[in-house]
Each structure stands twice: as C-alpha cells, then as structure tokens.
C-alpha cells in the first residue's frame, strides 16, 4: 500500500502544512510518497526528501505546473494517483481547488478536512461548524483526503533520506491561464503557522484601529487575524480572516479583541491552546471558550497591554 501526499509550496519553499499532512498520512500505513509539482522547484523536492517517514519524492517540473492551476494539477494527480491507495493534501485554498477535481476524475468520494485517523479507511472530520464530529468510512479503492493541519502535529522536517524521481507527465488543459497574483507581504508570521495570534473584530470600529493590536503583535512576534465581520466591513483584507470560511488556526496563544464569538469564528480558532478574550460585552459568546477573559473597553485595555509588554 502506498500513499501519495501532495506538497504545498511556492516553487522555492516547502510550506509547513506539508509536514502536518505527512504526519496524518503516516497514520494510514504504507509507503509515503510526496508529489512536488511546479517549475524550478528542485529545492522544494530536496526539502521534501528530508522529511522523516517519506520514502520517495516525485518531481514534476514544467511551465504548465508553475502556478499550480487546478485544471492542470488535477490531471497530473489523476494519472499518478491510480497507483496509490490514498491521495492526501492539506486543506488549504489551493488543495480545496484541485482535490475535488481529482476525486471526480477518479470517480470516488472526497473526505474533507479530517482531524483524526481511526484506520486506513476510517477518519474523523468536523461537521456543523465543529459542533459535531463525524466518523467516516470509505469503501473506495482510492481514498481522496484533505487534512485539517491543526489536527496533527508536524512530521520532523529533517532525518529522512528519500529518493527524488522526476516524472515527465505533462498535462496542460489549456482551459485557464494565470493572469497575476496580488500577494500581501508581511514581516509577521503566517496565520496558519503562527504560535501566537491576535485578532480583531467588528468592535475595532475601523481599519485604522487595527494599528492598536498590530503594536501588541509586534511585541509578541504574533500574526494578526480578523473575524469575518471585520473583513466584511472592509476593515482588513480577507486573507486575515480566521473562521470556518477563513483560515483554521490552532496557535499556542490566541487573543481575541472586540470579537463577539460567532460560531463561524469559533470554528476556526477554538482548538488554540490558550484563548484570551477582550470584550466590553460580558455576555459575548467568546467568553464561553476563553481560558482568560477581560471585560473592558478594548481602546483602553489594548494600549495598556502594549505598554506592559
């Protein structure tokens, strides 16, 4: 039995989500192979070969895979995947685009965002915004699975000695073309891999007031997030959104500022190790999941916190 893990990368760097995905796949049993598809991504393949537990890295390099267009990547995975019992990827924006296509091409069901592996064919996944956990058994010959990376500890990035094998399968569907990308750049950690996150909600009032929590984030070396309400109001860009329709996070420390705690937001952060809430409404639902709560005006409490730090 062999398992194919799809690497998450940007053609120059292997993303941490891949390590969590490998850890999940390792619990399914069998040889672990990692697919690195892109252009000029030999360094990514070399990094993947060092992951503990990986026995082989498949490197597909061509201009048609450079931007990982779902139409092209899905055809590649479909051709390769027929030799595997499991095809596994992190539940990222990219994989959510191509993995359903892979499942459709293979004519199997997709099992989305698993958080536990019960056996090689049985998995746990959250439903109803995380308020219930479904145990799902797949009888398909090939399991197509996405992994909620917060549910698994990362595999060791060093210690492996996998072989790297080039694959020459070229698939250019020619049904889409890469036009451009507007990528937000920040010196702060990426939300999904940050150990500390401070998020603001509708209570921030406007986008300019996010400078208050950014000062705290800079002192803590934290990432800055936001609730859907703050994003919908136009305070901050949507790549900062934490929640069921945003990014799922599980940092060591999550500080929620001016966030009421709607179910949609809680689904994205309630697995955080320690949750601190600052809200002037003592009845706010966020206090039900918070380890520490401060009922106070954020415009007074946050500057005081920043000064104490």
Protein backbone atom coordinates (compact mmCIF):
# COMPACT_ATOMS: atom_id res chain seq x y z
CA UNK A 1 0.00 0.00 0.00
CA UNK A 2 1.37 3.40 -0.99
CA UNK A 3 0.15 6.88 -0.12
CA UNK A 4 0.64 10.00 -2.24
CA UNK A 5 0.96 13.30 -0.36
CA UNK A 6 0.64 16.50 -2.40
CA UNK A 7 3.24 19.04 -1.31
CA UNK A 8 2.18 22.61 -0.58
CA UNK A 9 4.83 25.04 -1.85
CA UNK A 10 5.56 28.23 -3.79
CA UNK A 11 8.25 26.77 -6.10
CA UNK A 12 11.01 27.88 -3.75
CA UNK A 13 9.91 26.84 -0.26
CA UNK A 14 8.08 23.86 1.20
CA UNK A 15 5.14 25.08 3.28
CA UNK A 16 4.78 23.85 6.90
CA UNK A 17 1.32 22.44 6.12
CA UNK A 18 3.03 19.65 4.19
CA UNK A 19 4.66 18.38 7.39
CA UNK A 20 1.29 18.08 9.14
CA UNK A 21 -0.14 16.30 6.09
CA UNK A 22 2.72 13.80 6.07
CA UNK A 23 2.11 13.13 9.77
CA UNK A 24 -1.55 12.40 9.06
CA UNK A 25 -0.72 10.18 6.08
CA UNK A 26 1.80 8.22 8.15
CA UNK A 27 -1.03 7.09 10.43
CA UNK A 28 -2.79 5.48 7.46
CA UNK A 29 0.05 2.98 6.96
CA UNK A 30 2.07 2.23 3.85
CA UNK A 31 4.91 3.87 1.94
CA UNK A 32 4.77 7.65 1.82
CA UNK A 33 5.46 9.36 -1.48
CA UNK A 34 5.36 13.15 -1.89
CA UNK A 35 4.47 14.87 -5.16
CA UNK A 36 6.15 18.22 -5.84
CA UNK A 37 4.60 19.79 -8.94
CA UNK A 38 5.77 23.18 -10.15
CA UNK A 39 8.54 24.91 -12.09
CA UNK A 40 12.09 25.43 -10.90
CA UNK A 41 11.24 23.67 -7.66
CA UNK A 42 14.17 21.28 -7.21
CA UNK A 43 14.89 22.89 -3.81
CA UNK A 44 11.36 22.03 -2.69
CA UNK A 45 11.83 18.40 -3.72
CA UNK A 46 15.14 18.27 -1.83
CA UNK A 47 13.41 19.62 1.30
CA UNK A 48 10.59 17.10 0.93
CA UNK A 49 13.14 14.28 0.67
CA UNK A 50 14.42 15.16 4.14
CA UNK A 51 11.02 14.76 5.82
CA UNK A 52 11.09 11.85 8.22
CA UNK A 53 8.98 8.94 7.02
CA UNK A 54 8.94 9.84 3.32
CA UNK A 55 10.39 7.11 1.06
CA UNK A 56 10.14 8.79 -2.34
CA UNK A 57 9.60 12.25 -3.84
CA UNK A 58 8.05 12.63 -7.28
CA UNK A 59 9.17 15.82 -9.01
CA UNK A 60 7.01 17.13 -11.87
CA UNK A 61 8.58 20.26 -13.30
CA UNK A 62 7.10 22.17 -16.22
CA UNK A 63 5.80 25.63 -17.01
CA UNK A 64 2.22 24.27 -17.02
CA UNK A 65 2.56 23.50 -13.29
CA UNK A 66 4.31 26.73 -12.28
CA UNK A 67 1.20 28.39 -10.85
CA UNK A 68 -0.45 25.10 -9.87
CA UNK A 69 -3.60 25.73 -11.88
CA UNK A 70 -6.21 23.27 -10.67
CA UNK A 71 -7.11 22.18 -14.21
CA UNK A 72 -3.54 21.01 -14.86
CA UNK A 73 -2.58 19.72 -11.41
CA UNK A 74 -5.72 17.59 -11.13
CA UNK A 75 -4.95 15.82 -14.41
CA UNK A 76 -1.42 15.07 -13.22
CA UNK A 77 -2.59 13.71 -9.87
CA UNK A 78 -5.29 11.68 -11.59
CA UNK A 79 -2.70 9.91 -13.75
CA UNK A 80 -0.28 9.33 -10.89
CA UNK A 81 -2.92 8.57 -8.28
CA UNK A 82 -4.18 5.37 -9.87
CA UNK A 83 -1.14 3.61 -8.42
CA UNK A 84 -1.94 4.66 -4.84
CA UNK A 85 -4.48 3.71 -2.18
CA UNK A 86 -4.63 7.21 -0.68
CA UNK A 87 -4.14 10.70 -2.12
CA UNK A 88 -3.71 13.22 0.67
CA UNK A 89 -3.34 17.02 0.72
CA UNK A 90 -3.62 19.80 3.28
CA UNK A 91 -7.00 21.53 3.35
CA UNK A 92 -5.57 24.78 2.01
CA UNK A 93 -7.08 27.16 -0.52
CA UNK A 94 -5.03 25.55 -3.28
CA UNK A 95 -5.93 21.96 -2.44
CA UNK A 96 -9.60 22.84 -1.99
CA UNK A 97 -9.45 23.86 -5.64
CA UNK A 98 -7.85 20.78 -7.19
CA UNK A 99 -8.67 17.87 -4.86
CA UNK A 100 -12.42 17.76 -5.67
CA UNK A 101 -11.43 17.63 -9.34
CA UNK A 102 -9.14 14.69 -8.59
CA UNK A 103 -11.95 12.86 -6.79
CA UNK A 104 -14.29 13.47 -9.71
CA UNK A 105 -11.75 12.25 -12.27
CA UNK A 106 -11.16 9.08 -10.24
CA UNK A 107 -14.92 8.71 -9.65
CA UNK A 108 -14.55 8.44 -5.87
CA UNK A 109 -15.81 10.45 -2.91
CA UNK A 110 -13.61 13.04 -1.23
CA UNK A 111 -13.23 13.00 2.56
CA UNK A 112 -12.63 16.59 3.59
CA UNK A 113 -10.69 18.12 6.47
CA UNK A 114 -10.03 15.05 8.58
CA UNK A 115 -8.78 15.68 12.12
CA UNK A 116 -8.09 12.07 13.16
CA UNK A 117 -7.17 8.77 11.51
CA UNK A 118 -9.01 5.81 13.02
CA UNK A 119 -7.71 3.30 10.48
CA UNK A 120 -6.65 3.12 6.84
CA UNK A 121 -10.26 3.57 5.70
CA UNK A 122 -11.91 5.38 8.64
CA UNK A 123 -11.47 9.02 9.58
CA UNK A 124 -12.94 11.70 11.85
CA UNK A 125 -13.95 15.08 10.47
CA UNK A 126 -15.80 18.06 11.96
CA UNK A 127 -19.31 18.94 10.78
CA UNK A 128 -21.79 21.68 11.76
CA UNK A 129 -19.01 24.23 12.25
CA UNK A 130 -17.14 21.82 14.50
CA UNK A 131 -20.06 21.24 16.86
CA UNK A 132 -20.13 17.54 15.94
CA UNK A 133 -17.52 15.06 14.77
CA UNK A 134 -18.43 12.57 12.04
CA UNK A 135 -16.62 9.26 11.74
CA UNK A 136 -16.49 8.38 8.05
CA UNK A 137 -15.53 5.06 6.49
CA UNK A 138 -14.61 4.96 2.81
CA UNK A 139 -15.01 1.81 0.73
CA UNK A 140 -13.45 3.39 -2.35
CA UNK A 141 -10.32 1.71 -3.69
CA UNK A 142 -8.59 5.11 -3.74
CA UNK A 143 -9.19 7.49 -0.85
CA UNK A 144 -9.01 11.20 -1.73
CA UNK A 145 -8.48 13.09 1.52
CA UNK A 146 -7.80 16.62 2.70
CA UNK A 147 -6.31 17.18 6.15
CA UNK A 148 -7.09 19.92 8.65
CA UNK A 149 -3.49 20.55 9.60
CA UNK A 150 -4.32 21.84 13.09
CA UNK A 151 -5.41 18.31 13.99
CA UNK A 152 -1.95 16.78 13.54
CA UNK A 153 1.50 17.55 14.89
CA UNK A 154 4.07 18.25 12.18
CA UNK A 155 6.36 15.49 10.99
CA UNK A 156 10.09 16.06 11.51
CA UNK A 157 11.48 18.19 8.67
CA UNK A 158 14.91 16.56 8.98
CA UNK A 159 16.10 13.00 9.27
CA UNK A 160 14.66 11.50 6.11
CA UNK A 161 16.60 10.32 3.07
CA UNK A 162 14.02 9.78 0.36
CA UNK A 163 14.94 9.41 -3.29
CA UNK A 164 13.83 12.09 -5.76
CA UNK A 165 12.38 10.77 -9.03
CA UNK A 166 11.50 13.02 -11.94
CA UNK A 167 8.16 12.36 -13.66
CA UNK A 168 7.63 13.57 -17.21
CA UNK A 169 3.84 13.62 -17.31
CA UNK A 170 2.74 16.90 -18.85
CA UNK A 171 -0.88 17.99 -18.65
CA UNK A 172 -1.90 21.38 -19.98
CA UNK A 173 -5.68 21.51 -20.08
CA UNK A 174 -5.48 24.96 -21.76
CA UNK A 175 -8.81 25.88 -20.19
CA UNK A 176 -7.37 28.53 -17.87
CA UNK A 177 -4.37 30.82 -17.72
CA UNK A 178 -2.51 32.53 -14.92
CA UNK A 179 -3.05 36.30 -15.16
CA UNK A 180 -1.49 37.63 -11.97
CA UNK A 181 -1.39 37.50 -8.21
CA UNK A 182 -1.62 40.17 -5.56
CA UNK A 183 0.20 38.74 -2.57
CA UNK A 184 0.14 40.51 0.77
CA UNK A 185 3.64 40.65 2.23
CA UNK A 186 4.32 40.98 5.92
CA UNK A 187 7.22 40.58 8.31
CA UNK A 188 4.84 38.90 10.74
CA UNK A 189 4.37 35.10 10.85
CA UNK A 190 1.86 33.45 8.54
CA UNK A 191 -1.50 32.96 10.23
CA UNK A 192 -1.72 29.20 9.78
CA UNK A 193 1.75 28.56 11.23
CA UNK A 194 1.98 31.30 13.90
CA UNK A 195 2.44 30.31 17.54
CA UNK A 196 0.72 33.50 18.73
CA UNK A 197 -2.21 35.25 17.01
CA UNK A 198 -4.07 38.42 17.97
CA UNK A 199 -7.31 39.03 16.09
CA UNK A 200 -9.67 41.96 15.89
CA UNK A 201 -13.40 42.00 15.25
CA UNK A 202 -16.18 44.42 14.45
CA UNK A 203 -15.55 46.07 17.80
CA UNK A 204 -12.35 47.60 16.38
CA UNK A 205 -14.60 50.18 14.72
CA UNK A 206 -12.48 50.68 11.59
CA UNK A 207 -9.34 49.52 9.84
CA UNK A 208 -7.16 52.27 11.28
CA UNK A 209 -7.78 50.98 14.79
CA UNK A 210 -6.14 47.66 13.89
CA UNK A 211 -2.88 49.55 14.50
CA UNK A 212 -3.63 49.04 18.21
CA UNK A 213 -3.38 45.28 18.01
CA UNK A 214 -0.54 45.42 15.47
CA UNK A 215 1.60 47.11 18.12
CA UNK A 216 0.87 44.24 20.50
CA UNK A 217 1.55 41.72 17.73
CA UNK A 218 4.96 43.26 17.04
CA UNK A 219 5.97 42.88 20.68
CA UNK A 220 4.73 39.29 20.87
CA UNK A 221 6.03 38.23 17.45
CA UNK A 222 2.45 37.38 16.62
CA UNK A 223 0.36 37.16 13.47
CA UNK A 224 -2.65 39.45 13.08
CA UNK A 225 -6.06 37.99 12.22
CA UNK A 226 -9.63 39.19 11.98
CA UNK A 227 -13.17 37.97 12.26
CA UNK A 228 -15.44 37.69 9.24
CA UNK A 229 -17.41 40.70 10.46
CA UNK A 230 -14.27 42.84 10.36
CA UNK A 231 -13.40 41.58 6.89
CA UNK A 232 -16.93 42.06 5.55
CA UNK A 233 -16.91 45.60 6.93
CA UNK A 234 -13.80 46.31 4.89
CA UNK A 235 -11.53 46.92 7.90
CA UNK A 236 -8.85 44.45 6.69
CA UNK A 237 -8.24 42.18 3.66
CA UNK A 238 -9.85 38.74 3.58
CA UNK A 239 -6.52 36.88 3.80
CA UNK A 240 -6.56 37.82 7.50
CA UNK A 241 -9.88 36.12 8.18
CA UNK A 242 -9.95 33.40 10.83
CA UNK A 243 -13.01 31.17 10.86
CA UNK A 244 -14.96 28.46 9.11
CA UNK A 245 -14.81 30.30 5.78
CA UNK A 246 -11.35 31.72 6.51
CA UNK A 247 -8.25 30.13 7.97
CA UNK A 248 -8.30 27.39 10.59
CA UNK A 249 -5.68 28.05 13.27
CA UNK A 250 -4.52 26.43 16.50
CA UNK A 251 -1.73 28.58 17.97
CA UNK A 252 -0.32 28.32 21.47
CA UNK A 253 -1.94 31.67 22.29
CA UNK A 254 -4.96 33.29 20.61
CA UNK A 255 -6.02 36.78 21.69
CA UNK A 256 -9.49 37.85 20.51
CA UNK A 257 -10.08 41.60 20.68
CA UNK A 258 -13.54 43.02 20.08
CA UNK A 259 -14.79 39.68 18.76
CA UNK A 260 -18.21 38.53 19.95
CA UNK A 261 -17.54 34.86 19.19
CA UNK A 262 -19.96 33.81 16.47
CA UNK A 263 -19.99 30.08 15.70
CA UNK A 264 -18.34 30.77 12.34
CA UNK A 265 -15.33 32.35 14.05
CA UNK A 266 -15.09 29.83 16.88
CA UNK A 267 -14.88 27.00 14.34
CA UNK A 268 -11.60 28.46 13.12
CA UNK A 269 -9.79 29.02 16.43
CA UNK A 270 -11.31 27.03 19.28
CA UNK A 271 -8.52 24.44 19.14
CA UNK A 272 -6.00 27.09 20.25
CA UNK A 273 -4.04 26.04 23.34
CA UNK A 274 -4.83 29.23 25.33
CA UNK A 275 -7.58 31.69 24.38
CA UNK A 276 -7.73 35.23 25.77
CA UNK A 277 -10.77 37.41 25.08
CA UNK A 278 -11.11 41.18 25.49
CA UNK A 279 -14.66 42.47 25.03
CA UNK A 280 -16.80 45.05 26.79
CA UNK A 281 -19.90 42.81 26.49
CA UNK A 282 -19.75 40.34 29.36
CA UNK A 283 -22.42 38.21 27.64
CA UNK A 284 -20.34 37.75 24.48
CA UNK A 285 -20.16 34.05 23.45
CA UNK A 286 -16.37 34.30 23.11
CA UNK A 287 -16.08 34.15 26.91
CA UNK A 288 -17.57 30.64 26.88
CA UNK A 289 -14.49 29.25 25.12
CA UNK A 290 -11.89 31.65 26.52
CA UNK A 291 -9.38 30.48 29.14
CA UNK A 292 -8.95 34.10 30.25
CA UNK A 293 -11.48 36.88 29.74
CA UNK A 294 -11.27 40.61 30.30
CA UNK A 295 -14.49 42.61 30.28
CA UNK A 296 -13.20 46.02 29.29
CA UNK A 297 -13.18 48.67 26.58
CA UNK A 298 -10.57 47.47 24.09
CA UNK A 299 -9.49 51.06 23.37
CA UNK A 300 -8.32 51.27 26.97
CA UNK A 301 -7.22 47.68 27.58
CA UNK A 302 -5.14 47.09 24.44
CA UNK A 303 -2.90 50.18 24.83
CA UNK A 304 -2.37 49.21 28.48
CA UNK A 305 -1.43 45.69 27.41
CA UNK A 306 1.00 47.05 24.84
CA UNK A 307 2.63 49.28 27.48
CA UNK A 308 3.01 46.37 29.93
CA UNK A 309 4.70 44.28 27.26
